[in-house]
C-alpha atoms as a PDB file:
ATOM      1  CA  MET A   1      70.157 -26.100  30.183  1.00  0.00           C
ATOM      2  CA  ARG A   2      66.838 -24.419  29.585  1.00  0.00           C
ATOM      3  CA  LYS A   3      66.150 -22.803  26.216  1.00  0.00           C
ATOM      4  CA  PHE A   4      65.091 -19.136  26.209  1.00  0.00           C
ATOM      5  CA  LYS A   5      61.498 -18.686  25.089  1.00  0.00           C
ATOM      6  CA  HIS A   6      60.773 -15.507  23.132  1.00  0.00           C
ATOM      7  CA  PRO A   7      57.554 -13.926  24.378  1.00  0.00           C
ATOM      8  CA  LYS A   8      56.568 -12.278  21.077  1.00  0.00           C
ATOM      9  CA  ILE A   9      58.012 -13.940  18.006  1.00  0.00           C
ATOM     10  CA  ASN A  10      56.781 -12.496  14.703  1.00  0.00           C
ATOM     11  CA  LYS A  11      54.490 -10.050  16.492  1.00  0.00           C
ATOM     12  CA  PRO A  12      54.860  -6.274  16.587  1.00  0.00           C
ATOM     13  CA  LEU A  13      56.334  -4.787  19.714  1.00  0.00           C
ATOM     14  CA  ASP A  14      54.444  -1.637  20.651  1.00  0.00           C
ATOM     15  CA  ARG A  15      54.593   0.826  23.541  1.00  0.00           C
ATOM     16  CA  ASN A  16      52.232  -1.285  25.602  1.00  0.00           C
ATOM     17  CA  TYR A  17      54.618  -4.248  25.383  1.00  0.00           C
ATOM     18  CA  PHE A  18      57.472  -2.209  26.849  1.00  0.00           C
ATOM     19  CA  LYS A  19      55.215  -0.624  29.482  1.00  0.00           C
ATOM     20  CA  LYS A  20      54.134  -4.096  30.580  1.00  0.00           C
ATOM     21  CA  LYS A  21      57.735  -5.314  30.539  1.00  0.00           C
ATOM     22  CA  ALA A  22      58.832  -2.419  32.761  1.00  0.00           C
ATOM     23  CA  ASN A  23      55.770  -2.650  34.993  1.00  0.00           C
ATOM     24  CA  PRO A  24      53.775  -5.917  34.889  1.00  0.00           C
ATOM     25  CA  ASN A  25      50.853  -4.173  36.617  1.00  0.00           C
ATOM     26  CA  ALA A  26      50.517  -1.531  33.875  1.00  0.00           C
ATOM     27  CA  LYS A  27      47.204  -1.063  32.091  1.00  0.00           C
ATOM     28  CA  LYS A  28      46.728  -3.101  28.918  1.00  0.00           C
ATOM     29  CA  ALA A  29      44.569  -0.648  27.000  1.00  0.00           C
ATOM     30  CA  LEU A  30      45.809   2.521  25.363  1.00  0.00           C
ATOM     31  CA  GLU A  31      45.383   5.645  27.420  1.00  0.00           C
ATOM     32  CA  LEU A  32      43.605   8.310  25.384  1.00  0.00           C
ATOM     33  CA  THR A  33      42.980  11.980  25.997  1.00  0.00           C
ATOM     34  CA  GLU A  34      39.413  12.767  27.034  1.00  0.00           C
ATOM     35  CA  CYS A  35      39.050  15.754  24.724  1.00  0.00           C
ATOM     36  CA  CYS A  36      40.286  14.447  21.357  1.00  0.00           C
ATOM     37  CA  GLY A  37      40.757  10.691  21.892  1.00  0.00           C
ATOM     38  CA  GLU A  38      44.455  10.656  20.937  1.00  0.00           C
ATOM     39  CA  ASP A  39      47.096   8.383  22.495  1.00  0.00           C
ATOM     40  CA  ILE A  40      48.632  10.075  25.540  1.00  0.00           C
ATOM     41  CA  ASP A  41      52.009   8.371  25.041  1.00  0.00           C
ATOM     42  CA  ARG A  42      52.419   9.378  21.405  1.00  0.00           C
ATOM     43  CA  GLU A  43      55.753  11.098  20.971  1.00  0.00           C
ATOM     44  CA  LEU A  44      56.547  14.031  18.722  1.00  0.00           C
ATOM     45  CA  VAL A  45      53.188  15.692  19.251  1.00  0.00           C
ATOM     46  CA  LEU A  46      52.791  19.217  17.940  1.00  0.00           C
ATOM     47  CA  ASN A  47      50.669  21.657  19.896  1.00  0.00           C
ATOM     48  CA  VAL A  48      49.276  24.810  18.279  1.00  0.00           C
ATOM     49  CA  LYS A  49      49.488  26.613  21.629  1.00  0.00           C
ATOM     50  CA  ASN A  50      53.274  26.155  21.650  1.00  0.00           C
ATOM     51  CA  LYS A  51      55.058  28.957  19.740  1.00  0.00           C
ATOM     52  CA  LYS A  52      57.837  26.732  18.328  1.00  0.00           C
ATOM     53  CA  ASP A  53      55.374  24.043  17.245  1.00  0.00           C
ATOM     54  CA  TRP A  54      53.195  26.678  15.557  1.00  0.00           C
ATOM     55  CA  GLU A  55      56.233  27.958  13.649  1.00  0.00           C
ATOM     56  CA  LEU A  56      56.938  24.396  12.428  1.00  0.00           C
ATOM     57  CA  ILE A  57      53.329  24.044  11.284  1.00  0.00           C
ATOM     58  CA  GLU A  58      53.523  27.373   9.423  1.00  0.00           C
ATOM     59  CA  GLU A  59      56.814  26.427   7.754  1.00  0.00           C
ATOM     60  CA  TYR A  60      55.361  23.103   6.598  1.00  0.00           C
ATOM     61  CA  ILE A  61      52.237  24.766   5.177  1.00  0.00           C
ATOM     62  CA  GLU A  62      54.282  27.434   3.396  1.00  0.00           C
ATOM     63  CA  SER A  63      56.575  24.838   1.811  1.00  0.00           C
ATOM     64  CA  LYS A  64      53.633  22.726   0.606  1.00  0.00           C
ATOM     65  CA  LEU A  65      51.841  25.750  -0.866  1.00  0.00           C
ATOM     66  CA  ILE A  66      54.993  26.600  -2.804  1.00  0.00           C
ATOM     67  CA  GLU A  67      55.583  22.979  -3.848  1.00  0.00           C
ATOM     68  CA  TYR A  68      52.011  22.235  -5.000  1.00  0.00           C
ATOM     69  CA  SER A  69      50.552  25.017  -7.108  1.00  0.00           C
ATOM     70  CA  SER A  70      47.179  23.258  -7.261  1.00  0.00           C
ATOM     71  CA  THR A  71      46.695  23.749  -3.506  1.00  0.00           C
ATOM     72  CA  GLU A  72      44.638  26.821  -2.587  1.00  0.00           C
ATOM     73  CA  SER A  73      44.985  26.580   1.200  1.00  0.00           C
ATOM     74  CA  ILE A  74      45.970  24.218   4.014  1.00  0.00           C
ATOM     75  CA  THR A  75      44.194  24.266   7.377  1.00  0.00           C
ATOM     76  CA  PRO A  76      45.883  22.812  10.460  1.00  0.00           C
ATOM     77  CA  ILE A  77      43.215  20.882  12.415  1.00  0.00           C
ATOM     78  CA  SER A  78      43.770  20.712  16.179  1.00  0.00           C
ATOM     79  CA  CYS A  79      41.884  19.904  19.362  1.00  0.00           C
ATOM     80  CA  THR A  80      40.058  22.993  20.624  1.00  0.00           C
ATOM     81  CA  GLU A  81      40.598  22.041  24.268  1.00  0.00           C
ATOM     82  CA  CYS A  82      44.203  20.851  24.541  1.00  0.00           C
ATOM     83  CA  GLY A  83      45.625  22.330  21.306  1.00  0.00           C
ATOM     84  CA  ARG A  84      47.069  19.017  20.098  1.00  0.00           C
ATOM     85  CA  PHE A  85      47.692  19.065  16.350  1.00  0.00           C
ATOM     86  CA  LEU A  86      45.624  16.362  14.632  1.00  0.00           C
ATOM     87  CA  LYS A  87      45.923  16.754  10.853  1.00  0.00           C
ATOM     88  CA  TYR A  88      46.203  19.050   7.852  1.00  0.00           C
ATOM     89  CA  GLN A  89      43.230  19.671   5.583  1.00  0.00           C
ATOM     90  CA  SER A  90      44.038  20.844   2.060  1.00  0.00           C
ATOM     91  CA  LYS A  91      41.770  22.731  -0.271  1.00  0.00           C
ATOM     92  CA  ILE A  92      42.806  22.149  -3.880  1.00  0.00           C
ATOM     93  CA  LYS A  93      41.700  23.483  -7.232  1.00  0.00           C
ATOM     94  CA  ASP A  94      39.304  21.459  -9.337  1.00  0.00           C
ATOM     95  CA  PRO A  95      41.528  20.013 -12.077  1.00  0.00           C
ATOM     96  CA  LYS A  96      38.752  20.318 -14.667  1.00  0.00           C
ATOM     97  CA  GLY A  97      37.888  23.874 -13.690  1.00  0.00           C
ATOM     98  CA  LYS A  98      34.156  23.177 -13.899  1.00  0.00           C
ATOM     99  CA  ARG A  99      33.134  23.239 -10.253  1.00  0.00           C
ATOM    100  CA  GLY A 100      35.515  25.844  -8.850  1.00  0.00           C
ATOM    101  CA  TRP A 101      37.313  24.782  -5.666  1.00  0.00           C
ATOM    102  CA  TYR A 102      36.766  21.600  -3.712  1.00  0.00           C
ATOM    103  CA  ASN A 103      38.222  19.756  -0.704  1.00  0.00           C
END
């Protein structure tokens, strides 16, 4: 009787592993968008051009502004071409009050 050999013991299993398992001829490298260089297969992607996603972004920003009084504003950063949400940028008060506001 032949013993089963595990292909990836103590190694992380990522999306590419399962793509290759489902289709051995699949590309090895990550597929990235041309405009912003983000992974095409990334799930749970927010898009500022989508009304429901924009509402989620607004709700998150509102809750963080209420929660953190030291935050002046939060800017959602997104790709200008495809609208994919990339990150939040917060502008907070200077804790020493000497230099005004800073990022």
